Structure formats: C-alpha cells, structure tokens
C-alpha cells in the first residue's frame, strides 16, 4: 500500500474510533504514528480533518466528506486487488502461445486441446512460426524454444529433446532398396528443407562413428509439411523432426530408415517471462506441457 493509501486507511480507522489511542490499538501502531498519518493528509489538503481536544475528537465538515471519499477509494483498491488475485488463482483470460510449426501442430496441439477442455475460461491464441519471437514485444505468454537458450531473462523448463529421423514410404522402398548404411543414401532421392541450402550434410552417428551424407535434393521445400507429403507420396527419403514424422511412421505411411543410427537432436524448452508470480493461466499451462512433453 502506498503512503497515501496507508494514510487514508489510518484516517478512516481514526475517524471511526473514539481516540487516536483506540485507532493505534486497532492498527497495531503508536498513537504518534496515527497522528502523523492524519497530519500528512491535512498538510496535503491544506485543511483540518479531525478537530481534537483533550476530551474528544470530531470530524470537521471537510473531514466528513473526505472520510466518505476515502472509503470509496479504499473499497475500489480492495476490489482491484481481489480481481487480480482471482485472475492469478483461476485460469482465465487470453493465453498467447508461440511454437515451431511442426512441433506446435503435431506435439503441442493435443496438450492445448486437453488444456482447453480443463479450463474453458481461457481463450487460446497459438502462433506457429520457426523464428524466435520477442515475448515481451509480441505479448506472448508461453513459448516453445528449440535449441540453445540465449535469453536468460526467461524462465525455462526442459522438454523431451527433438530428434531428427530418416524415413521413406513403402511405395518408394518397393522401387529402391532400403539403405543399410548412411552412405547408401547417395543413391537415393533425398527430400530437403530449402533453408538448409544446396550443400547440406546429413550426419549419422552410431557409437563413435559419424558418417556425413552430402545431400543433393531431388525435391526441396521451405515447409516441413510439404516434405512429409512428398515422402508419403513416394518421392524419396525425408529427414525431419520426430514431431513431424512419428504419426506417419506409426500409421505405416512411412518406414523408419537406419534405426540403429542417430541424427542430431535439439534441446527443447517451454519458456515464460520472468514474473515473480505468474498468472494461473500461464502457470497451469506450463505445468501441463511439462507433465505431457518433458
């Protein structure tokens, strides 16, 4: 409570008590301190609020009107505090989330669906993009970050790492023998993300052995979903994140290649801004994401 609001509160108690001593007992402070708060208000207003004698105290005309206004102000402050506390205690309002396209679509959406069912008072806005958003400037409450974290002002909780997988469709493998070693991919049609460039290298690792595979893409796209569609249709071998490929592999639309070899993985975190007391909507959503995806 600011000094002015505290002085108003002291004045209200003093004005409704028989004496400053009685007000001091109710407020757990000294009579002198009660008098200082009242005097501070009187000095700011340039008028007397309480007429004091050795036997009694009475409100002046200004004091009577000022008392009513102080009660209104203090009631409004209490109501505002209650609203804020309710917002922190019960998930409600607008929740803005940012996530990478593939991860947000295939891995995060089931969690969002569960959250929306549990907390219908929260309106969710999911922004999918593969850039690092400025959470403060873009009013983002929660974000999924891939790779290393450079912003130490964020509160981050780790999620299961994102793995890269190699896969091809049954129809493609019916026409081309499945690779048994990463070097065999040189004889295959490779599907590549355009952002990787024309001289991209896929690096496969097993134990202490690493095999670099230069990729000359038979098909490239700037959109992972297009690469998935190309792979399912039989155009070639795709390397993309597990979030994008796992459902198609599980359904039999794609077959996992070189399962004994590992492609690079990337760390994943769910992050929020560094608030001392995050709102209930932010806290509850982050907790659910961690419970389902960590």
Protein backbone atom coordinates (compact mmCIF):
# COMPACT_ATOMS: atom_id res chain seq x y z
CA UNK A 1 0.00 0.00 0.00
CA UNK A 2 1.37 3.40 -0.96
CA UNK A 3 1.95 6.03 1.75
CA UNK A 4 -1.10 8.00 0.60
CA UNK A 5 -3.38 4.95 0.67
CA UNK A 6 -1.97 3.90 4.03
CA UNK A 7 -2.63 7.37 5.43
CA UNK A 8 -6.19 7.19 4.09
CA UNK A 9 -6.66 3.84 5.80
CA UNK A 10 -5.30 5.20 9.09
CA UNK A 11 -7.57 8.24 8.78
CA UNK A 12 -10.66 6.07 8.25
CA UNK A 13 -9.84 4.00 11.34
CA UNK A 14 -9.03 7.11 13.38
CA UNK A 15 -12.19 8.88 12.26
CA UNK A 16 -14.37 5.98 13.39
CA UNK A 17 -12.54 5.42 16.69
CA UNK A 18 -13.04 7.26 19.95
CA UNK A 19 -9.42 8.40 20.02
CA UNK A 20 -6.05 8.11 18.32
CA UNK A 21 -5.11 5.68 21.09
CA UNK A 22 -8.02 3.39 20.15
CA UNK A 23 -7.06 3.68 16.46
CA UNK A 24 -3.44 2.85 17.33
CA UNK A 25 -4.53 -0.33 19.10
CA UNK A 26 -6.68 -1.38 16.12
CA UNK A 27 -3.85 -0.69 13.67
CA UNK A 28 -1.05 -2.08 15.84
CA UNK A 29 0.96 1.15 15.68
CA UNK A 30 1.71 4.03 18.04
CA UNK A 31 -0.64 6.95 18.67
CA UNK A 32 2.11 9.26 17.44
CA UNK A 33 2.25 7.40 14.11
CA UNK A 34 -1.55 7.62 13.76
CA UNK A 35 -1.29 11.38 14.29
CA UNK A 36 1.50 11.67 11.70
CA UNK A 37 -0.60 9.95 9.03
CA UNK A 38 -3.59 12.20 9.69
CA UNK A 39 -1.37 15.30 9.76
CA UNK A 40 0.23 14.28 6.47
CA UNK A 41 -3.20 14.22 4.81
CA UNK A 42 -4.16 17.54 6.38
CA UNK A 43 -0.96 19.16 5.12
CA UNK A 44 -1.56 17.85 1.60
CA UNK A 45 -5.16 19.05 1.64
CA UNK A 46 -4.45 22.32 3.42
CA UNK A 47 -7.40 21.71 5.72
CA UNK A 48 -8.17 20.16 9.08
CA UNK A 49 -9.89 16.76 9.01
CA UNK A 50 -10.26 15.98 12.69
CA UNK A 51 -10.79 18.57 15.44
CA UNK A 52 -9.00 17.24 18.51
CA UNK A 53 -9.36 18.31 22.16
CA UNK A 54 -8.10 16.69 25.33
CA UNK A 55 -11.51 15.09 25.85
CA UNK A 56 -12.74 14.13 22.37
CA UNK A 57 -12.23 14.28 18.63
CA UNK A 58 -14.77 15.26 16.00
CA UNK A 59 -14.65 15.36 12.23
CA UNK A 60 -14.67 18.71 10.52
CA UNK A 61 -17.06 19.32 7.62
CA UNK A 62 -14.22 18.62 5.20
CA UNK A 63 -13.31 15.57 7.27
CA UNK A 64 -16.84 14.13 6.95
CA UNK A 65 -16.79 14.42 3.14
CA UNK A 66 -13.19 13.26 2.87
CA UNK A 67 -13.97 10.19 5.00
CA UNK A 68 -16.68 9.11 2.55
CA UNK A 69 -14.32 9.51 -0.43
CA UNK A 70 -11.53 7.63 1.35
CA UNK A 71 -13.87 4.72 1.96
CA UNK A 72 -14.78 4.69 -1.74
CA UNK A 73 -11.11 4.76 -2.79
CA UNK A 74 -10.06 2.01 -0.38
CA UNK A 75 -13.02 -0.14 -1.45
CA UNK A 76 -12.01 0.29 -5.12
CA UNK A 77 -8.42 -0.67 -4.31
CA UNK A 78 -9.60 -3.75 -2.43
CA UNK A 79 -11.86 -4.72 -5.36
CA UNK A 80 -8.95 -4.30 -7.81
CA UNK A 81 -6.76 -6.48 -5.60
CA UNK A 82 -9.48 -9.11 -5.50
CA UNK A 83 -9.78 -9.12 -9.29
CA UNK A 84 -6.02 -9.53 -9.63
CA UNK A 85 -5.93 -12.32 -7.08
CA UNK A 86 -8.80 -14.12 -8.80
CA UNK A 87 -7.01 -13.88 -12.14
CA UNK A 88 -3.92 -15.38 -10.54
CA UNK A 89 -5.87 -18.06 -8.71
CA UNK A 90 -8.19 -19.21 -11.53
CA UNK A 91 -7.02 -19.76 -15.12
CA UNK A 92 -8.95 -17.31 -17.27
CA UNK A 93 -8.46 -14.64 -19.92
CA UNK A 94 -6.33 -14.75 -23.07
CA UNK A 95 -3.31 -17.06 -23.35
CA UNK A 96 -0.94 -16.36 -26.25
CA UNK A 97 1.41 -19.21 -27.20
CA UNK A 98 4.24 -19.38 -29.74
CA UNK A 99 5.74 -22.63 -31.06
CA UNK A 100 7.68 -24.04 -34.03
CA UNK A 101 5.33 -25.10 -36.84
CA UNK A 102 5.82 -28.88 -36.78
CA UNK A 103 6.11 -29.17 -33.01
CA UNK A 104 3.13 -26.92 -32.38
CA UNK A 105 0.94 -28.75 -34.89
CA UNK A 106 1.77 -32.36 -34.05
CA UNK A 107 3.10 -32.40 -30.49
CA UNK A 108 1.66 -29.36 -28.71
CA UNK A 109 -1.90 -29.33 -30.10
CA UNK A 110 -3.04 -32.42 -28.13
CA UNK A 111 -1.85 -30.70 -24.95
CA UNK A 112 -3.64 -27.49 -25.91
CA UNK A 113 -6.81 -29.47 -26.59
CA UNK A 114 -6.61 -31.08 -23.15
CA UNK A 115 -5.94 -27.72 -21.51
CA UNK A 116 -8.88 -26.05 -23.30
CA UNK A 117 -11.21 -28.80 -22.06
CA UNK A 118 -9.99 -28.34 -18.48
CA UNK A 119 -10.06 -24.52 -18.49
CA UNK A 120 -12.87 -23.25 -20.75
CA UNK A 121 -12.47 -19.71 -19.39
CA UNK A 122 -9.10 -19.38 -21.14
CA UNK A 123 -9.06 -18.14 -24.75
CA UNK A 124 -6.01 -19.59 -26.52
CA UNK A 125 -4.12 -17.96 -29.39
CA UNK A 126 -1.45 -20.24 -30.92
CA UNK A 127 1.08 -18.63 -33.25
CA UNK A 128 3.13 -21.11 -35.28
CA UNK A 129 6.43 -19.97 -36.78
CA UNK A 130 10.05 -21.06 -36.81
CA UNK A 131 11.55 -17.78 -35.67
CA UNK A 132 12.47 -16.71 -32.15
CA UNK A 133 9.73 -14.31 -31.05
CA UNK A 134 10.29 -11.44 -28.65
CA UNK A 135 7.86 -12.48 -25.94
CA UNK A 136 7.54 -9.05 -24.33
CA UNK A 137 7.15 -7.07 -27.57
CA UNK A 138 4.70 -9.55 -29.08
CA UNK A 139 2.73 -10.15 -25.86
CA UNK A 140 3.47 -13.89 -25.87
CA UNK A 141 2.75 -15.63 -22.57
CA UNK A 142 4.34 -19.03 -23.25
CA UNK A 143 6.70 -20.20 -25.99
CA UNK A 144 8.36 -23.41 -27.10
CA UNK A 145 12.03 -22.79 -27.87
CA UNK A 146 14.22 -25.14 -29.91
CA UNK A 147 17.99 -25.18 -29.49
CA UNK A 148 20.11 -23.29 -27.00
CA UNK A 149 18.58 -20.51 -24.90
CA UNK A 150 20.24 -17.12 -25.28
CA UNK A 151 17.74 -15.05 -23.26
CA UNK A 152 18.48 -15.55 -19.57
CA UNK A 153 15.54 -13.31 -18.62
CA UNK A 154 13.12 -16.17 -19.34
CA UNK A 155 12.04 -18.95 -17.01
CA UNK A 156 12.69 -22.19 -18.91
CA UNK A 157 11.71 -25.80 -18.22
CA UNK A 158 13.19 -28.61 -20.31
CA UNK A 159 11.11 -30.83 -22.56
CA UNK A 160 11.96 -34.07 -24.34
CA UNK A 161 14.57 -33.28 -27.00
CA UNK A 162 13.55 -33.09 -30.65
CA UNK A 163 15.16 -35.88 -32.69
CA UNK A 164 15.66 -36.00 -36.43
CA UNK A 165 14.50 -39.17 -38.22
CA UNK A 166 15.04 -40.56 -41.70
CA UNK A 167 12.06 -42.20 -43.41
CA UNK A 168 10.58 -43.18 -46.77
CA UNK A 169 7.26 -44.58 -47.94
CA UNK A 170 6.63 -48.28 -48.66
CA UNK A 171 5.96 -47.42 -52.32
CA UNK A 172 9.34 -45.69 -52.64
CA UNK A 173 11.17 -48.56 -50.94
CA UNK A 174 9.43 -51.03 -53.27
CA UNK A 175 11.28 -49.30 -56.11
CA UNK A 176 14.55 -48.61 -54.26
CA UNK A 177 16.35 -50.91 -51.84
CA UNK A 178 16.24 -49.61 -48.28
CA UNK A 179 19.62 -48.20 -47.19
CA UNK A 180 21.53 -50.36 -44.73
CA UNK A 181 24.30 -47.77 -44.20
CA UNK A 182 24.09 -43.96 -44.32
CA UNK A 183 26.44 -43.89 -47.31
CA UNK A 184 23.77 -45.76 -49.31
CA UNK A 185 21.68 -42.55 -49.29
CA UNK A 186 23.93 -41.21 -52.04
CA UNK A 187 21.97 -43.49 -54.39
CA UNK A 188 18.56 -42.25 -53.20
CA UNK A 189 16.26 -39.34 -53.96
CA UNK A 190 16.59 -37.03 -50.95
CA UNK A 191 13.94 -34.54 -49.85
CA UNK A 192 15.40 -31.47 -48.12
CA UNK A 193 14.33 -28.35 -46.34
CA UNK A 194 15.10 -25.37 -48.58
CA UNK A 195 16.51 -23.38 -45.66
CA UNK A 196 19.29 -25.96 -45.29
CA UNK A 197 20.82 -24.87 -48.60
CA UNK A 198 22.06 -26.78 -51.64
CA UNK A 199 25.14 -28.22 -49.90
CA UNK A 200 23.54 -29.55 -46.77
CA UNK A 201 25.01 -32.57 -44.99
CA UNK A 202 23.07 -35.16 -43.00
CA UNK A 203 25.26 -36.51 -40.19
CA UNK A 204 24.51 -40.01 -38.94
CA UNK A 205 26.18 -41.29 -35.75
CA UNK A 206 26.49 -44.74 -34.21
CA UNK A 207 28.75 -45.21 -31.19
CA UNK A 208 31.97 -43.40 -32.11
CA UNK A 209 31.35 -43.43 -35.86
CA UNK A 210 29.94 -40.40 -37.70
CA UNK A 211 29.04 -40.58 -41.39
CA UNK A 212 28.42 -37.31 -43.26
CA UNK A 213 26.00 -37.65 -46.15
CA UNK A 214 26.08 -34.74 -48.65
CA UNK A 215 22.54 -34.05 -49.85
CA UNK A 216 21.63 -33.03 -53.38
CA UNK A 217 17.90 -32.65 -53.01
CA UNK A 218 15.63 -34.20 -55.59
CA UNK A 219 12.92 -32.05 -54.01
CA UNK A 220 13.22 -29.09 -51.62
CA UNK A 221 10.61 -27.03 -49.81
CA UNK A 222 10.55 -24.31 -47.19
CA UNK A 223 7.72 -26.12 -45.40
CA UNK A 224 8.17 -29.35 -43.47
CA UNK A 225 4.57 -30.45 -44.06
CA UNK A 226 5.24 -30.37 -47.81
CA UNK A 227 8.29 -32.61 -47.32
CA UNK A 228 6.14 -35.03 -45.33
CA UNK A 229 3.54 -35.11 -48.11
CA UNK A 230 6.28 -35.66 -50.70
CA UNK A 231 7.74 -38.55 -48.70
CA UNK A 232 4.34 -40.20 -48.16
CA UNK A 233 3.61 -39.94 -51.89
CA UNK A 234 6.81 -41.84 -52.64
CA UNK A 235 9.11 -39.09 -53.89
CA UNK A 236 12.11 -40.04 -51.77
CA UNK A 237 13.85 -40.13 -48.39
CA UNK A 238 13.00 -37.39 -45.92
CA UNK A 239 14.87 -36.30 -42.81
CA UNK A 240 12.71 -34.27 -40.45
CA UNK A 241 11.82 -33.98 -36.76
CA UNK A 242 10.16 -36.80 -34.88
CA UNK A 243 7.23 -34.47 -34.15
CA UNK A 244 6.51 -34.29 -37.88
CA UNK A 245 7.20 -37.91 -38.88
CA UNK A 246 6.23 -40.14 -35.96
CA UNK A 247 2.49 -40.27 -36.65
CA UNK A 248 3.05 -41.26 -40.29
CA UNK A 249 5.58 -43.89 -39.24
CA UNK A 250 3.17 -45.29 -36.64
CA UNK A 251 0.39 -45.41 -39.25
CA UNK A 252 2.61 -47.24 -41.74
CA UNK A 253 2.61 -44.40 -44.28
CA UNK A 254 6.37 -44.09 -43.77
CA UNK A 255 9.05 -46.56 -42.72
CA UNK A 256 11.84 -45.54 -40.36
CA UNK A 257 15.26 -45.92 -42.01
CA UNK A 258 18.61 -46.67 -40.40
CA UNK A 259 17.10 -47.13 -36.91
CA UNK A 260 20.50 -48.01 -35.40
CA UNK A 261 21.90 -44.64 -36.40
CA UNK A 262 21.25 -41.28 -34.74
CA UNK A 263 20.79 -37.91 -36.38
CA UNK A 264 21.41 -34.70 -34.39
CA UNK A 265 18.84 -33.78 -31.76
CA UNK A 266 17.90 -30.33 -30.50
CA UNK A 267 17.04 -29.26 -26.96
CA UNK A 268 13.50 -28.08 -26.36
CA UNK A 269 12.20 -25.84 -23.58
CA UNK A 270 8.89 -24.32 -22.62
CA UNK A 271 9.56 -20.74 -21.55
CA UNK A 272 7.69 -17.90 -19.91
CA UNK A 273 8.60 -14.38 -18.91
CA UNK A 274 10.29 -13.94 -15.53
CA UNK A 275 7.32 -12.87 -13.40
CA UNK A 276 7.60 -13.31 -9.65
CA UNK A 277 4.04 -14.60 -9.53
CA UNK A 278 2.91 -15.88 -12.94
CA UNK A 279 -0.81 -15.85 -13.63
CA UNK A 280 -2.79 -19.01 -13.09
CA UNK A 281 -3.32 -19.47 -16.84
CA UNK A 282 0.44 -19.36 -17.52
CA UNK A 283 1.41 -21.49 -14.55
CA UNK A 284 -1.20 -24.18 -15.22
CA UNK A 285 -0.42 -24.38 -18.95
CA UNK A 286 3.33 -24.67 -18.41
CA UNK A 287 2.76 -27.37 -15.79
CA UNK A 288 0.59 -29.37 -18.20
CA UNK A 289 3.10 -29.06 -21.04
CA UNK A 290 5.87 -30.31 -18.76
CA UNK A 291 3.71 -33.17 -17.49
CA UNK A 292 2.89 -34.34 -21.02
CA UNK A 293 6.02 -33.50 -23.01
CA UNK A 294 9.01 -33.48 -20.64
